[in-house]
Amino acid sequence: MMNKFYFNLYSKRKKIGISLALIIFIISIGFYMIKNRTQSINSNDAINSVSAKNNGEINNIITTNDPTCSDEDGLTHAEIESEYFIKPLMKYPEEVNFKGDRRGHKTDENSYLVFEKFTAKNAIGVKTEYVYKIDMHYNGGDWTDNNNWEYNTAIIEDTSTGEQHTYYGGK
C-alpha cells in the first residue's frame, strides 16, 4: 500500500514538473520572439507618423493604383514632380532613393498633397529611412517642366527617430 502511495505521489510530481517545464518553455519562447522581432515600418506606418501630426489627413489619401486617380487630375504628375523638390533638401541628394510607394490627394484646383518614403544618408552619412509630405501647386503649362510647379510646405521625417524638418516655399 505504501508503494502505491509513493508511486501516485511520484506520478503527480512528474505531471506537475512536466507542466511547469512546458509553461516555462512557452514563456521563454514568447520572450525570445519579443526580444528578437524585427521592427520594420511599412509605408502606411511611416506615412501615418507624419500625417498623425497633421490632423489625420491620411484618411483622405488615395493611392496611385486607385482607378479613381488618373493622370487627368494631375496627382500622378504631382507625385513625380515632388521628388524633384525633396532631393535637394537632403544633405546628400545624390544618395536619395525613392521607394515608389507614392500617395496623395488633390486638395484644391491644381494643388496636391503628396507622401512618399525614401532612403538617404543623414547628416553624419548613415543611410536612414524617411517619409515626406509636400503640398504641391501646379501653375500650368507643361507638367514635366519643373518650373511650372512649386511647393508651399515640405515636411521630412526620419522614421526611426520621428524627428521632423519643415521647409517653406520653393520653385
N, C-alpha and C. Protein backbone atom coordinates (compact mmCIF):
# COMPACT_ATOMS: atom_id res chain seq x y z
N MET A 1 0.82 -1.19 0.00
CA MET A 1 0.00 0.00 0.00
C MET A 1 0.87 1.25 0.00
N MET A 2 1.98 1.18 0.75
CA MET A 2 2.87 2.32 0.82
C MET A 2 3.51 2.59 -0.55
N ASN A 3 3.87 1.50 -1.27
CA ASN A 3 4.47 1.67 -2.59
C ASN A 3 3.51 2.35 -3.55
N LYS A 4 2.21 2.01 -3.46
CA LYS A 4 1.21 2.64 -4.33
C LYS A 4 1.13 4.13 -4.02
N PHE A 5 1.19 4.50 -2.74
CA PHE A 5 1.14 5.90 -2.34
C PHE A 5 2.33 6.67 -2.91
N TYR A 6 3.53 6.12 -2.76
CA TYR A 6 4.71 6.77 -3.30
C TYR A 6 4.65 6.86 -4.83
N PHE A 7 4.15 5.84 -5.47
CA PHE A 7 4.01 5.85 -6.93
C PHE A 7 3.06 6.96 -7.39
N ASN A 8 1.91 7.10 -6.72
CA ASN A 8 0.95 8.15 -7.06
C ASN A 8 1.55 9.54 -6.81
N LEU A 9 2.26 9.69 -5.70
CA LEU A 9 2.91 10.96 -5.39
C LEU A 9 3.97 11.28 -6.43
N TYR A 10 4.78 10.27 -6.79
CA TYR A 10 5.80 10.44 -7.82
C TYR A 10 5.16 10.81 -9.16
N SER A 11 4.06 10.15 -9.51
CA SER A 11 3.36 10.40 -10.78
C SER A 11 2.81 11.83 -10.81
N LYS A 12 2.24 12.29 -9.70
CA LYS A 12 1.70 13.65 -9.64
C LYS A 12 2.83 14.67 -9.75
N ARG A 13 3.94 14.43 -9.05
CA ARG A 13 5.09 15.34 -9.13
C ARG A 13 5.62 15.40 -10.56
N LYS A 14 5.65 14.26 -11.20
CA LYS A 14 6.14 14.19 -12.58
C LYS A 14 5.24 15.01 -13.50
N LYS A 15 3.92 14.89 -13.34
CA LYS A 15 2.97 15.64 -14.16
C LYS A 15 3.11 17.14 -13.90
N ILE A 16 3.25 17.52 -12.64
CA ILE A 16 3.42 18.93 -12.29
C ILE A 16 4.74 19.45 -12.87
N GLY A 17 5.78 18.65 -12.76
CA GLY A 17 7.09 19.04 -13.29
C GLY A 17 7.05 19.22 -14.79
N ILE A 18 6.39 18.32 -15.48
CA ILE A 18 6.27 18.43 -16.95
C ILE A 18 5.45 19.66 -17.31
N SER A 19 4.36 19.89 -16.58
CA SER A 19 3.52 21.06 -16.84
C SER A 19 4.29 22.36 -16.63
N LEU A 20 5.03 22.43 -15.53
CA LEU A 20 5.84 23.62 -15.26
C LEU A 20 6.90 23.82 -16.33
N ALA A 21 7.55 22.75 -16.72
CA ALA A 21 8.57 22.84 -17.77
C ALA A 21 7.96 23.35 -19.08
N LEU A 22 6.77 22.85 -19.41
CA LEU A 22 6.09 23.29 -20.64
C LEU A 22 5.73 24.76 -20.55
N ILE A 23 5.22 25.20 -19.41
CA ILE A 23 4.86 26.61 -19.23
C ILE A 23 6.10 27.49 -19.33
N ILE A 24 7.17 27.09 -18.68
CA ILE A 24 8.42 27.87 -18.74
C ILE A 24 8.95 27.92 -20.17
N PHE A 25 8.86 26.82 -20.88
CA PHE A 25 9.30 26.77 -22.28
C PHE A 25 8.49 27.74 -23.14
N ILE A 26 7.18 27.72 -22.99
CA ILE A 26 6.31 28.61 -23.78
C ILE A 26 6.60 30.07 -23.45
N ILE A 27 6.77 30.39 -22.18
CA ILE A 27 7.08 31.77 -21.78
C ILE A 27 8.42 32.20 -22.35
N SER A 28 9.41 31.32 -22.28
CA SER A 28 10.74 31.69 -22.80
C SER A 28 10.70 31.89 -24.31
N ILE A 29 9.92 31.11 -25.03
CA ILE A 29 9.77 31.33 -26.48
C ILE A 29 9.14 32.68 -26.74
N GLY A 30 8.14 33.03 -25.93
CA GLY A 30 7.49 34.33 -26.07
C GLY A 30 8.46 35.48 -25.87
N PHE A 31 9.28 35.40 -24.81
CA PHE A 31 10.27 36.44 -24.56
C PHE A 31 11.31 36.50 -25.68
N TYR A 32 11.72 35.35 -26.17
CA TYR A 32 12.68 35.31 -27.26
C TYR A 32 12.12 35.99 -28.51
N MET A 33 10.85 35.71 -28.82
CA MET A 33 10.23 36.31 -30.01
C MET A 33 10.10 37.82 -29.85
N ILE A 34 9.73 38.26 -28.67
CA ILE A 34 9.61 39.70 -28.43
C ILE A 34 10.96 40.37 -28.53
N LYS A 35 11.97 39.74 -27.93
CA LYS A 35 13.31 40.33 -27.92
C LYS A 35 13.91 40.41 -29.33
N ASN A 36 13.67 39.41 -30.13
CA ASN A 36 14.34 39.31 -31.43
C ASN A 36 13.47 39.69 -32.63
N ARG A 37 12.30 40.22 -32.39
CA ARG A 37 11.47 40.57 -33.54
C ARG A 37 12.08 41.75 -34.26
N THR A 38 11.88 41.80 -35.57
CA THR A 38 12.39 42.92 -36.35
C THR A 38 11.37 44.03 -36.31
N GLN A 39 11.87 45.24 -36.24
CA GLN A 39 10.98 46.39 -36.19
C GLN A 39 11.06 47.11 -37.51
N SER A 40 10.21 46.70 -38.41
CA SER A 40 10.18 47.36 -39.71
C SER A 40 8.93 48.21 -39.79
N ILE A 41 9.07 49.31 -40.46
CA ILE A 41 7.94 50.22 -40.62
C ILE A 41 7.50 50.14 -42.07
N ASN A 42 6.24 49.78 -42.28
CA ASN A 42 5.77 49.75 -43.66
C ASN A 42 5.37 51.15 -44.09
N SER A 43 5.05 51.30 -45.33
CA SER A 43 4.74 52.62 -45.88
C SER A 43 3.62 53.30 -45.12
N ASN A 44 2.58 52.57 -44.82
CA ASN A 44 1.44 53.18 -44.14
C ASN A 44 1.82 53.67 -42.76
N ASP A 45 2.63 52.92 -42.00
CA ASP A 45 3.05 53.36 -40.67
C ASP A 45 3.86 54.65 -40.77
N ALA A 46 4.78 54.70 -41.71
CA ALA A 46 5.62 55.88 -41.85
C ALA A 46 4.78 57.08 -42.26
N ILE A 47 3.89 56.87 -43.20
CA ILE A 47 3.03 57.96 -43.64
C ILE A 47 2.13 58.40 -42.50
N ASN A 48 1.60 57.44 -41.74
CA ASN A 48 0.75 57.78 -40.61
C ASN A 48 1.51 58.58 -39.57
N SER A 49 2.81 58.30 -39.38
CA SER A 49 3.56 59.03 -38.37
C SER A 49 3.66 60.51 -38.74
N VAL A 50 3.81 60.81 -40.02
CA VAL A 50 3.83 62.21 -40.45
C VAL A 50 2.43 62.79 -40.40
N SER A 51 1.45 62.04 -40.91
CA SER A 51 0.11 62.60 -41.02
C SER A 51 -0.58 62.72 -39.67
N ALA A 52 -0.19 61.92 -38.69
CA ALA A 52 -0.82 62.00 -37.38
C ALA A 52 -0.59 63.37 -36.77
N LYS A 53 0.53 63.98 -37.12
CA LYS A 53 0.84 65.30 -36.61
C LYS A 53 0.20 66.40 -37.46
N ASN A 54 -0.54 65.98 -38.49
CA ASN A 54 -1.14 66.94 -39.41
C ASN A 54 -2.64 66.70 -39.54
N ASN A 55 -3.31 66.59 -38.40
CA ASN A 55 -4.76 66.48 -38.31
C ASN A 55 -5.34 65.29 -39.05
N GLY A 56 -4.62 64.19 -39.12
CA GLY A 56 -5.15 62.96 -39.68
C GLY A 56 -5.49 63.02 -41.15
N GLU A 57 -4.78 63.81 -41.93
CA GLU A 57 -5.09 63.93 -43.35
C GLU A 57 -4.90 62.63 -44.10
N ILE A 58 -4.28 61.65 -43.48
CA ILE A 58 -4.06 60.35 -44.12
C ILE A 58 -5.39 59.71 -44.50
N ASN A 59 -6.45 60.02 -43.79
CA ASN A 59 -7.75 59.42 -44.08
C ASN A 59 -8.26 59.77 -45.46
N ASN A 60 -7.82 60.88 -46.01
CA ASN A 60 -8.29 61.30 -47.32
C ASN A 60 -7.38 60.86 -48.46
N ILE A 61 -6.34 60.12 -48.15
CA ILE A 61 -5.35 59.78 -49.15
C ILE A 61 -5.82 58.63 -50.02
N ILE A 62 -5.54 58.74 -51.31
CA ILE A 62 -5.79 57.63 -52.22
C ILE A 62 -4.46 57.24 -52.83
N THR A 63 -4.32 56.02 -53.26
CA THR A 63 -3.06 55.59 -53.86
C THR A 63 -3.10 55.79 -55.35
N THR A 64 -1.92 55.81 -55.95
CA THR A 64 -1.85 55.99 -57.39
C THR A 64 -2.37 54.78 -58.13
N ASN A 65 -2.52 53.64 -57.45
CA ASN A 65 -3.08 52.46 -58.09
C ASN A 65 -4.61 52.47 -58.08
N ASP A 66 -5.20 53.41 -57.40
CA ASP A 66 -6.64 53.52 -57.32
C ASP A 66 -7.18 53.96 -58.68
N PRO A 67 -8.20 53.28 -59.23
CA PRO A 67 -8.71 53.65 -60.54
C PRO A 67 -9.31 55.04 -60.60
N THR A 68 -9.69 55.61 -59.43
CA THR A 68 -10.25 56.96 -59.44
C THR A 68 -9.17 58.02 -59.59
N CYS A 69 -7.93 57.64 -59.47
CA CYS A 69 -6.82 58.57 -59.59
C CYS A 69 -6.19 58.43 -60.97
N SER A 70 -6.41 59.39 -61.82
CA SER A 70 -5.88 59.29 -63.18
C SER A 70 -4.90 60.42 -63.43
N ASP A 71 -4.19 60.33 -64.54
CA ASP A 71 -3.26 61.39 -64.92
C ASP A 71 -4.00 62.70 -65.17
N GLU A 72 -5.29 62.62 -65.52
CA GLU A 72 -6.06 63.84 -65.79
C GLU A 72 -6.07 64.78 -64.59
N ASP A 73 -6.24 64.22 -63.40
CA ASP A 73 -6.37 65.10 -62.24
C ASP A 73 -5.02 65.63 -61.76
N GLY A 74 -3.93 65.16 -62.35
CA GLY A 74 -2.62 65.72 -62.06
C GLY A 74 -1.92 65.12 -60.85
N LEU A 75 -2.59 64.23 -60.10
CA LEU A 75 -1.96 63.68 -58.91
C LEU A 75 -0.69 62.92 -59.26
N THR A 76 -0.75 62.09 -60.28
CA THR A 76 0.44 61.33 -60.66
C THR A 76 1.57 62.27 -61.04
N HIS A 77 1.26 63.33 -61.74
CA HIS A 77 2.27 64.32 -62.12
C HIS A 77 2.87 64.98 -60.88
N ALA A 78 2.01 65.33 -59.92
CA ALA A 78 2.49 65.96 -58.68
C ALA A 78 3.39 65.01 -57.91
N GLU A 79 3.02 63.74 -57.89
CA GLU A 79 3.83 62.76 -57.17
C GLU A 79 5.22 62.65 -57.79
N ILE A 80 5.27 62.62 -59.10
CA ILE A 80 6.56 62.52 -59.80
C ILE A 80 7.39 63.78 -59.57
N GLU A 81 6.78 64.92 -59.70
CA GLU A 81 7.49 66.20 -59.53
C GLU A 81 7.91 66.45 -58.09
N SER A 82 7.20 65.87 -57.12
CA SER A 82 7.54 66.11 -55.71
C SER A 82 8.96 65.64 -55.40
N GLU A 83 9.40 64.57 -56.06
CA GLU A 83 10.75 64.06 -55.82
C GLU A 83 11.81 65.10 -56.22
N TYR A 84 11.50 65.88 -57.26
CA TYR A 84 12.41 66.93 -57.72
C TYR A 84 12.66 67.96 -56.61
N PHE A 85 11.63 68.24 -55.81
CA PHE A 85 11.76 69.24 -54.74
C PHE A 85 12.40 68.67 -53.47
N ILE A 86 12.18 67.41 -53.21
CA ILE A 86 12.67 66.79 -51.97
C ILE A 86 14.18 66.53 -52.02
N LYS A 87 14.65 66.03 -53.14
CA LYS A 87 16.07 65.64 -53.26
C LYS A 87 17.05 66.72 -52.80
N PRO A 88 16.92 67.96 -53.28
CA PRO A 88 17.91 68.97 -52.88
C PRO A 88 17.83 69.39 -51.41
N LEU A 89 16.76 69.01 -50.72
CA LEU A 89 16.63 69.37 -49.31
C LEU A 89 17.47 68.46 -48.41
N MET A 90 17.97 67.38 -48.96
CA MET A 90 18.74 66.41 -48.18
C MET A 90 20.23 66.75 -48.20
N LYS A 91 20.94 66.31 -47.17
CA LYS A 91 22.38 66.58 -47.04
C LYS A 91 23.16 65.94 -48.18
N TYR A 92 22.77 64.73 -48.60
CA TYR A 92 23.42 64.01 -49.70
C TYR A 92 22.38 63.71 -50.78
N PRO A 93 22.02 64.69 -51.61
CA PRO A 93 20.94 64.49 -52.60
C PRO A 93 21.21 63.36 -53.58
N GLU A 94 22.47 63.11 -53.89
CA GLU A 94 22.79 62.04 -54.85
C GLU A 94 22.54 60.66 -54.26
N GLU A 95 22.39 60.56 -52.94
CA GLU A 95 22.17 59.29 -52.26
C GLU A 95 20.69 59.00 -51.98
N VAL A 96 19.80 59.89 -52.42
CA VAL A 96 18.37 59.72 -52.16
C VAL A 96 17.82 58.61 -53.06
N ASN A 97 17.09 57.67 -52.45
CA ASN A 97 16.49 56.56 -53.18
C ASN A 97 15.01 56.50 -52.82
N PHE A 98 14.13 56.89 -53.75
CA PHE A 98 12.70 56.90 -53.50
C PHE A 98 12.13 55.50 -53.62
N LYS A 99 11.19 55.16 -52.76
CA LYS A 99 10.61 53.81 -52.70
C LYS A 99 9.58 53.57 -53.80
N GLY A 100 8.98 54.63 -54.35
CA GLY A 100 7.99 54.48 -55.40
C GLY A 100 6.57 54.25 -54.89
N ASP A 101 6.40 54.16 -53.58
CA ASP A 101 5.06 53.98 -52.99
C ASP A 101 4.51 55.36 -52.66
N ARG A 102 4.11 56.06 -53.72
CA ARG A 102 3.62 57.44 -53.54
C ARG A 102 2.14 57.41 -53.22
N ARG A 103 1.74 58.36 -52.40
CA ARG A 103 0.32 58.51 -52.06
C ARG A 103 0.01 59.99 -52.00
N GLY A 104 -1.25 60.30 -52.15
CA GLY A 104 -1.62 61.69 -52.06
C GLY A 104 -3.06 61.93 -52.45
N HIS A 105 -3.43 63.18 -52.47
CA HIS A 105 -4.77 63.55 -52.91
C HIS A 105 -4.78 65.01 -53.36
N LYS A 106 -5.78 65.32 -54.15
CA LYS A 106 -5.97 66.67 -54.64
C LYS A 106 -6.59 67.50 -53.52
N THR A 107 -6.01 68.66 -53.23
CA THR A 107 -6.53 69.49 -52.15
C THR A 107 -7.34 70.67 -52.65
N ASP A 108 -7.03 71.09 -53.87
CA ASP A 108 -7.70 72.25 -54.47
C ASP A 108 -7.43 72.18 -55.97
N GLU A 109 -7.94 73.11 -56.72
CA GLU A 109 -7.66 73.15 -58.14
C GLU A 109 -6.15 73.31 -58.35
N ASN A 110 -5.52 72.35 -59.00
CA ASN A 110 -4.09 72.32 -59.29
C ASN A 110 -3.20 72.25 -58.05
N SER A 111 -3.75 71.83 -56.92
CA SER A 111 -2.97 71.67 -55.69
C SER A 111 -3.11 70.24 -55.18
N TYR A 112 -1.98 69.70 -54.68
CA TYR A 112 -1.94 68.30 -54.29
C TYR A 112 -1.10 68.13 -53.04
N LEU A 113 -1.47 67.16 -52.23
CA LEU A 113 -0.70 66.77 -51.06
C LEU A 113 -0.12 65.40 -51.36
N VAL A 114 1.21 65.27 -51.29
CA VAL A 114 1.89 64.03 -51.68
C VAL A 114 2.73 63.51 -50.52
N PHE A 115 2.71 62.17 -50.33
CA PHE A 115 3.50 61.48 -49.32
C PHE A 115 4.33 60.41 -50.02
N GLU A 116 5.56 60.18 -49.55
CA GLU A 116 6.36 59.08 -50.07
C GLU A 116 7.49 58.75 -49.11
N LYS A 117 7.85 57.45 -49.07
CA LYS A 117 9.00 57.01 -48.28
C LYS A 117 10.24 57.01 -49.16
N PHE A 118 11.39 57.25 -48.54
CA PHE A 118 12.66 57.17 -49.27
C PHE A 118 13.78 56.92 -48.28
N THR A 119 14.93 56.54 -48.82
CA THR A 119 16.13 56.39 -48.00
C THR A 119 17.17 57.38 -48.49
N ALA A 120 17.98 57.83 -47.57
CA ALA A 120 19.06 58.76 -47.89
C ALA A 120 20.04 58.76 -46.73
N LYS A 121 21.24 59.25 -46.99
CA LYS A 121 22.20 59.39 -45.90
C LYS A 121 21.80 60.60 -45.05
N ASN A 122 21.92 60.44 -43.73
CA ASN A 122 21.61 61.56 -42.85
C ASN A 122 22.83 62.47 -42.73
N ALA A 123 22.79 63.42 -41.82
CA ALA A 123 23.84 64.42 -41.68
C ALA A 123 25.21 63.81 -41.38
N ILE A 124 25.24 62.64 -40.74
CA ILE A 124 26.52 62.01 -40.43
C ILE A 124 26.88 60.89 -41.42
N GLY A 125 26.11 60.78 -42.49
CA GLY A 125 26.43 59.83 -43.56
C GLY A 125 25.88 58.44 -43.38
N VAL A 126 24.95 58.23 -42.45
CA VAL A 126 24.34 56.92 -42.22
C VAL A 126 23.04 56.83 -43.02
N LYS A 127 22.88 55.71 -43.77
CA LYS A 127 21.67 55.52 -44.56
C LYS A 127 20.47 55.37 -43.63
N THR A 128 19.45 56.20 -43.86
CA THR A 128 18.29 56.29 -42.99
C THR A 128 17.03 56.31 -43.82
N GLU A 129 15.92 55.83 -43.24
CA GLU A 129 14.63 55.86 -43.93
C GLU A 129 13.85 57.10 -43.50
N TYR A 130 13.26 57.76 -44.48
CA TYR A 130 12.49 58.98 -44.26
C TYR A 130 11.12 58.84 -44.93
N VAL A 131 10.23 59.74 -44.56
CA VAL A 131 8.96 59.90 -45.26
C VAL A 131 8.75 61.41 -45.40
N TYR A 132 8.20 61.81 -46.55
CA TYR A 132 7.94 63.24 -46.72
C TYR A 132 6.48 63.48 -47.01
N LYS A 133 6.08 64.70 -46.69
CA LYS A 133 4.75 65.21 -47.02
C LYS A 133 5.00 66.57 -47.66
N ILE A 134 4.48 66.75 -48.86
CA ILE A 134 4.71 68.01 -49.56
C ILE A 134 3.41 68.53 -50.15
N ASP A 135 3.18 69.82 -49.98
CA ASP A 135 2.00 70.50 -50.51
C ASP A 135 2.41 71.15 -51.83
N MET A 136 1.97 70.57 -52.96
CA MET A 136 2.40 71.00 -54.29
C MET A 136 1.33 71.84 -54.98
N HIS A 137 1.78 72.75 -55.85
CA HIS A 137 0.85 73.52 -56.69
C HIS A 137 1.38 73.55 -58.12
N TYR A 138 0.48 73.27 -59.06
CA TYR A 138 0.80 73.29 -60.49
C TYR A 138 0.35 74.63 -61.06
N ASN A 139 1.28 75.34 -61.72
CA ASN A 139 0.99 76.67 -62.25
C ASN A 139 0.52 76.67 -63.69
N GLY A 140 0.44 75.51 -64.31
CA GLY A 140 0.01 75.41 -65.71
C GLY A 140 1.20 75.23 -66.64
N GLY A 141 0.90 74.91 -67.90
CA GLY A 141 1.96 74.66 -68.87
C GLY A 141 2.32 73.19 -68.91
N ASP A 142 3.52 72.90 -69.38
CA ASP A 142 3.99 71.52 -69.50
C ASP A 142 4.27 70.98 -68.10
N TRP A 143 3.58 69.91 -67.71
CA TRP A 143 3.73 69.39 -66.35
C TRP A 143 5.13 68.82 -66.12
N THR A 144 5.84 68.44 -67.17
CA THR A 144 7.18 67.88 -66.99
C THR A 144 8.24 68.96 -66.75
N ASP A 145 7.86 70.22 -66.96
CA ASP A 145 8.77 71.34 -66.70
C ASP A 145 8.71 71.68 -65.22
N ASN A 146 9.81 71.46 -64.51
CA ASN A 146 9.84 71.69 -63.07
C ASN A 146 9.51 73.13 -62.69
N ASN A 147 9.75 74.07 -63.60
CA ASN A 147 9.47 75.47 -63.31
C ASN A 147 7.98 75.77 -63.25
N ASN A 148 7.14 74.83 -63.70
CA ASN A 148 5.69 75.02 -63.66
C ASN A 148 5.08 74.49 -62.36
N TRP A 149 5.92 74.06 -61.44
CA TRP A 149 5.47 73.55 -60.15
C TRP A 149 6.15 74.33 -59.02
N GLU A 150 5.48 74.39 -57.90
CA GLU A 150 6.06 74.96 -56.69
C GLU A 150 5.48 74.23 -55.49
N TYR A 151 6.13 74.40 -54.34
CA TYR A 151 5.57 73.80 -53.13
C TYR A 151 5.45 74.88 -52.06
N ASN A 152 4.44 74.71 -51.22
CA ASN A 152 4.23 75.64 -50.11
C ASN A 152 4.98 75.17 -48.87
N THR A 153 4.79 73.89 -48.53
CA THR A 153 5.41 73.32 -47.34
C THR A 153 5.87 71.90 -47.64
N ALA A 154 7.04 71.54 -47.15
CA ALA A 154 7.53 70.16 -47.23
C ALA A 154 7.98 69.76 -45.83
N ILE A 155 7.49 68.60 -45.37
CA ILE A 155 7.89 68.06 -44.07
C ILE A 155 8.60 66.75 -44.34
N ILE A 156 9.83 66.62 -43.84
CA ILE A 156 10.60 65.39 -43.98
C ILE A 156 10.84 64.83 -42.59
N GLU A 157 10.45 63.57 -42.39
CA GLU A 157 10.57 62.94 -41.08
C GLU A 157 11.49 61.73 -41.15
N ASP A 158 12.41 61.66 -40.20
CA ASP A 158 13.25 60.48 -40.01
C ASP A 158 12.37 59.45 -39.31
N THR A 159 12.07 58.33 -39.98
CA THR A 159 11.12 57.37 -39.42
C THR A 159 11.65 56.65 -38.19
N SER A 160 12.95 56.60 -38.01
CA SER A 160 13.49 55.90 -36.84
C SER A 160 13.46 56.76 -35.58
N THR A 161 13.58 58.07 -35.73
CA THR A 161 13.60 58.95 -34.56
C THR A 161 12.34 59.80 -34.42
N GLY A 162 11.60 59.96 -35.52
CA GLY A 162 10.42 60.83 -35.50
C GLY A 162 10.76 62.30 -35.66
N GLU A 163 12.05 62.61 -35.81
CA GLU A 163 12.48 64.00 -35.96
C GLU A 163 11.99 64.54 -37.31
N GLN A 164 11.39 65.73 -37.28
CA GLN A 164 10.86 66.34 -38.49
C GLN A 164 11.55 67.65 -38.81
N HIS A 165 11.68 67.91 -40.11
CA HIS A 165 12.18 69.19 -40.59
C HIS A 165 11.16 69.75 -41.57
N THR A 166 10.85 71.02 -41.41
CA THR A 166 9.86 71.68 -42.26
C THR A 166 10.54 72.71 -43.13
N TYR A 167 10.19 72.72 -44.41
CA TYR A 167 10.73 73.66 -45.39
C TYR A 167 9.57 74.40 -46.02
N TYR A 168 9.78 75.70 -46.28
CA TYR A 168 8.71 76.53 -46.81
C TYR A 168 9.06 77.07 -48.19
N GLY A 169 8.10 76.93 -49.09
CA GLY A 169 8.16 77.53 -50.43
C GLY A 169 9.35 77.19 -51.27
N GLY A 170 9.10 77.05 -52.54
CA GLY A 170 10.19 76.78 -53.45
C GLY A 170 9.70 76.48 -54.84
N LYS A 171 10.55 76.78 -55.79
CA LYS A 171 10.27 76.50 -57.20
C LYS A 171 11.30 75.63 -57.75
